Amino acid sequence: MKPILLQGHERSITQIKYNREGDLLFSAAKDTVVNVWYSVNGERLGTYNGHTGAVWCVDVDWDTKNVLTGSADNSCRLWDCETGKQLALLETSSAVRTCGFDFSGNIIMFSTDKQMGYQCFMNFFDLRDPQQIEDNQPYSSVPCNESKITSAVWGPLGEFVIAGHENGEINQFSAKSGEILKKVKEHSKQINDIQPSVDLTMVITASKDNSAKVCTS
């Protein structure tokens, strides 16, 4: 196996994400930029410039049309994948830790950190409603009073989001109402990452308690 070295960041990389076809790779880092690469040869195609703080998360929609990023500069940004143009700026009170598109690419979710006296929130926006974006007003904003969200992925059919928390809990948030559909305590320490299976019927969690667990969605 011959590795391909991707050099395009000046600080540590925080997240990487393939598009659905697997021909593009997106990398986010603490140096405030997001890069996009050809996965076959490691050629850098471009950079999404605009954030002023570390970029914690990145996602690309199903048809590789738009890119979503969340940053420590208290913003979540929507980009045109091909041109790199910023399409939307959603400002928050604290750093954006997780973000993602649903299956349709119409609904986005992102969670904010619990810091500087501000509460952690799970936010949902419908990109088909320009007024939500213009007013920076999500159609659903769910406070997470007990423990902040550290990782999150969409469940099947875009009906809910599966979130891992600092206290080891896994919650299902309804994308329509924002209510918690399920709550389980699978880990004794913080959940660092959640990744879904290809068909979205299962997820695997990785925790600071030195264990990983496979769970049904």
Protein backbone atom coordinates (compact mmCIF):
# COMPACT_ATOMS: atom_id res chain seq x y z
CA MET A 1 0.00 0.00 0.00
CA LYS A 2 1.55 3.27 -1.15
CA PRO A 3 0.37 6.33 0.80
CA ILE A 4 -0.32 9.69 -0.82
CA LEU A 5 0.89 12.66 1.23
CA LEU A 6 -1.55 15.57 1.36
CA GLN A 7 0.19 18.79 2.35
CA GLY A 8 -2.03 21.83 2.58
CA HIS A 9 -2.47 22.72 6.24
CA GLU A 10 -0.23 24.59 8.67
CA ARG A 11 -1.84 23.29 11.86
CA SER A 12 -3.34 20.00 13.01
CA ILE A 13 -6.19 18.47 11.01
CA THR A 14 -9.47 18.16 12.91
CA GLN A 15 -11.68 16.19 10.49
CA ILE A 16 -11.62 14.60 7.04
CA LYS A 17 -14.62 13.59 4.94
CA TYR A 18 -15.12 11.82 1.60
CA ASN A 19 -17.97 12.72 -0.73
CA ARG A 20 -20.42 9.97 -1.71
CA GLU A 21 -18.56 8.96 -4.88
CA GLY A 22 -15.24 8.90 -3.06
CA ASP A 23 -13.40 10.97 -5.66
CA LEU A 24 -13.12 14.06 -3.45
CA LEU A 25 -11.71 14.42 0.05
CA PHE A 26 -12.35 17.39 2.33
CA SER A 27 -10.02 18.27 5.21
CA ALA A 28 -10.64 20.74 8.05
CA ALA A 29 -7.92 22.03 10.35
CA LYS A 30 -7.04 24.45 13.12
CA ASP A 31 -5.44 26.80 10.58
CA THR A 32 -8.92 28.20 9.71
CA VAL A 33 -9.18 26.72 6.20
CA VAL A 34 -10.88 23.73 4.57
CA ASN A 35 -9.18 22.06 1.61
CA VAL A 36 -10.63 19.82 -1.10
CA TRP A 37 -8.50 17.17 -2.82
CA TYR A 38 -8.66 14.60 -5.59
CA SER A 39 -8.51 11.35 -3.64
CA VAL A 40 -6.96 9.40 -6.54
CA ASN A 41 -3.72 11.40 -6.68
CA GLY A 42 -3.77 13.86 -3.77
CA GLU A 43 -4.02 16.96 -5.95
CA ARG A 44 -5.41 19.93 -4.06
CA LEU A 45 -8.32 21.42 -6.00
CA GLY A 46 -9.05 24.41 -3.83
CA THR A 47 -9.55 26.01 -0.45
CA TYR A 48 -12.64 27.36 1.30
CA ASN A 49 -11.50 30.63 2.90
CA GLY A 50 -13.56 32.66 5.33
CA HIS A 51 -13.31 31.24 8.84
CA THR A 52 -11.20 33.12 11.38
CA GLY A 53 -10.86 30.32 13.94
CA ALA A 54 -10.10 26.62 14.03
CA VAL A 55 -12.47 24.59 11.85
CA TRP A 56 -13.82 21.66 13.87
CA CYS A 57 -16.14 19.95 11.40
CA VAL A 58 -16.90 19.59 7.70
CA ASP A 59 -19.56 17.78 5.67
CA VAL A 60 -20.55 17.52 2.01
CA ASP A 61 -24.06 16.81 0.74
CA TRP A 62 -25.17 13.71 -1.16
CA ASP A 63 -24.68 15.12 -4.67
CA THR A 64 -21.46 17.05 -3.86
CA LYS A 65 -23.12 20.39 -4.49
CA ASN A 66 -22.61 22.13 -1.15
CA VAL A 67 -20.12 21.98 1.72
CA LEU A 68 -20.88 22.76 5.37
CA THR A 69 -18.27 23.81 7.94
CA GLY A 70 -18.31 24.67 11.65
CA SER A 71 -15.67 26.67 13.44
CA ALA A 72 -14.38 28.07 16.72
CA ASP A 73 -15.06 31.53 15.28
CA ASN A 74 -18.68 31.00 16.38
CA SER A 75 -20.06 30.35 12.93
CA CYS A 76 -21.37 27.65 10.63
CA ARG A 77 -20.88 28.34 6.92
CA LEU A 78 -22.37 26.94 3.73
CA TRP A 79 -20.22 26.87 0.58
CA ASP A 80 -20.65 26.11 -3.10
CA CYS A 81 -18.52 23.01 -3.53
CA GLU A 82 -17.35 23.79 -7.07
CA THR A 83 -16.64 27.52 -6.88
CA GLY A 84 -15.76 27.87 -3.19
CA LYS A 85 -18.21 30.77 -2.85
CA GLN A 86 -19.71 31.27 0.60
CA LEU A 87 -23.49 30.86 0.33
CA ALA A 88 -24.54 31.40 3.94
CA LEU A 89 -23.12 32.52 7.27
CA LEU A 90 -24.88 31.34 10.42
CA GLU A 91 -23.48 33.02 13.52
CA THR A 92 -23.64 31.43 16.96
CA SER A 93 -22.80 32.36 20.56
CA SER A 94 -20.10 29.69 20.92
CA ALA A 95 -17.94 27.40 18.80
CA VAL A 96 -19.62 25.01 16.36
CA ARG A 97 -18.45 21.48 17.17
CA THR A 98 -20.45 19.23 14.79
CA CYS A 99 -22.35 19.77 11.54
CA GLY A 100 -23.98 17.75 8.79
CA PHE A 101 -26.44 17.51 5.88
CA ASP A 102 -29.39 15.16 5.93
CA PHE A 103 -29.91 12.66 3.09
CA SER A 104 -31.81 15.17 0.95
CA GLY A 105 -29.28 17.96 1.43
CA ASN A 106 -32.12 20.32 2.36
CA ILE A 107 -31.81 20.17 6.15
CA ILE A 108 -28.61 20.96 8.02
CA MET A 109 -27.83 20.44 11.67
CA PHE A 110 -25.03 21.76 13.82
CA SER A 111 -24.24 21.78 17.52
CA THR A 112 -22.52 24.47 19.56
CA ASP A 113 -20.15 24.16 22.50
CA LYS A 114 -20.96 24.82 26.12
CA GLN A 115 -18.48 27.58 26.92
CA MET A 116 -18.14 31.14 28.25
CA GLY A 117 -21.47 30.88 30.03
CA TYR A 118 -23.34 29.83 26.87
CA GLN A 119 -25.36 26.64 26.65
CA CYS A 120 -24.85 23.85 24.12
CA PHE A 121 -27.55 23.79 21.41
CA MET A 122 -28.49 21.44 18.59
CA ASN A 123 -29.75 23.60 15.71
CA PHE A 124 -31.73 22.66 12.60
CA PHE A 125 -32.10 24.85 9.47
CA ASP A 126 -34.11 24.22 6.31
CA LEU A 127 -32.08 25.51 3.35
CA ARG A 128 -35.26 25.72 1.26
CA ASP A 129 -36.44 28.60 3.45
CA PRO A 130 -34.24 31.65 2.68
CA GLN A 131 -35.84 33.56 5.55
CA GLN A 132 -34.36 31.19 8.12
CA ILE A 133 -30.89 31.80 6.73
CA GLU A 134 -31.36 35.56 6.39
CA ASP A 135 -32.70 35.90 9.94
CA ASN A 136 -30.19 33.38 11.31
CA GLN A 137 -33.16 31.69 12.98
CA PRO A 138 -33.30 27.86 13.04
CA TYR A 139 -36.69 26.19 12.81
CA SER A 140 -35.60 24.11 15.81
CA SER A 141 -33.00 24.84 18.48
CA VAL A 142 -32.65 22.30 21.27
CA PRO A 143 -30.75 23.16 24.49
CA CYS A 144 -28.55 20.41 25.90
CA ASN A 145 -28.59 21.25 29.58
CA GLU A 146 -26.97 18.18 31.06
CA SER A 147 -23.95 17.54 28.84
CA LYS A 148 -22.59 19.11 25.66
CA ILE A 149 -22.57 17.33 22.31
CA THR A 150 -19.15 16.11 21.19
CA SER A 151 -20.11 14.23 18.00
CA ALA A 152 -23.21 13.84 15.84
CA VAL A 153 -24.42 12.11 12.66
CA TRP A 154 -27.72 11.88 10.79
CA GLY A 155 -29.84 8.77 11.12
CA PRO A 156 -31.67 7.02 8.24
CA LEU A 157 -34.05 9.07 6.07
CA GLY A 158 -33.10 12.28 7.84
CA GLU A 159 -35.66 11.70 10.57
CA PHE A 160 -33.30 12.20 13.50
CA VAL A 161 -29.74 12.99 14.56
CA ILE A 162 -27.68 10.65 16.72
CA ALA A 163 -25.48 12.62 19.11
CA GLY A 164 -22.71 11.56 21.47
CA HIS A 165 -22.21 13.58 24.63
CA GLU A 166 -19.44 14.54 27.02
CA ASN A 167 -20.93 12.35 29.76
CA GLY A 168 -21.05 9.21 27.57
CA GLU A 169 -24.73 9.41 26.64
CA ILE A 170 -26.13 8.81 23.15
CA ASN A 171 -29.27 10.75 22.25
CA GLN A 172 -31.61 10.72 19.27
CA PHE A 173 -32.91 14.20 18.39
CA SER A 174 -35.98 14.46 16.18
CA ALA A 175 -35.22 16.60 13.13
CA LYS A 176 -38.84 17.81 13.06
CA SER A 177 -39.59 18.68 16.66
CA GLY A 178 -36.16 18.63 18.28
CA GLU A 179 -37.40 16.37 21.07
CA ILE A 180 -35.18 13.59 22.39
CA LEU A 181 -36.57 10.32 21.02
CA LYS A 182 -34.13 7.99 22.77
CA LYS A 183 -31.47 8.35 25.44
CA VAL A 184 -28.98 5.65 26.44
CA LYS A 185 -25.82 5.69 28.54
CA GLU A 186 -23.42 3.44 26.65
CA HIS A 187 -20.10 4.89 27.83
CA SER A 188 -18.68 6.02 31.16
CA LYS A 189 -16.66 8.85 29.62
CA GLN A 190 -16.86 11.31 26.73
CA ILE A 191 -17.79 10.03 23.27
CA ASN A 192 -15.14 11.32 20.89
CA ASP A 193 -16.64 10.20 17.59
CA ILE A 194 -19.67 8.55 15.99
CA GLN A 195 -19.61 7.07 12.48
CA PRO A 196 -22.58 5.51 10.63
CA SER A 197 -22.70 2.36 8.52
CA VAL A 198 -23.23 2.77 4.77
CA ASP A 199 -26.97 2.07 5.04
CA LEU A 200 -27.25 4.25 8.19
CA THR A 201 -28.88 1.44 10.16
CA MET A 202 -26.00 1.20 12.64
CA VAL A 203 -23.40 3.49 14.18
CA ILE A 204 -20.11 2.89 15.94
CA THR A 205 -19.02 5.05 18.86
CA ALA A 206 -15.50 5.75 20.14
CA SER A 207 -15.05 6.90 23.72
CA LYS A 208 -12.48 8.08 26.23
CA ASP A 209 -13.38 5.02 28.31
CA ASN A 210 -11.11 3.00 25.97
CA SER A 211 -13.97 1.27 24.18
CA ALA A 212 -15.87 1.39 20.90
CA LYS A 213 -19.44 0.12 20.59
CA VAL A 214 -21.66 -0.77 17.64
CA CYS A 215 -25.27 0.34 18.12
CA THR A 216 -28.41 0.21 16.01
CA SER A 217 -29.70 3.55 14.79
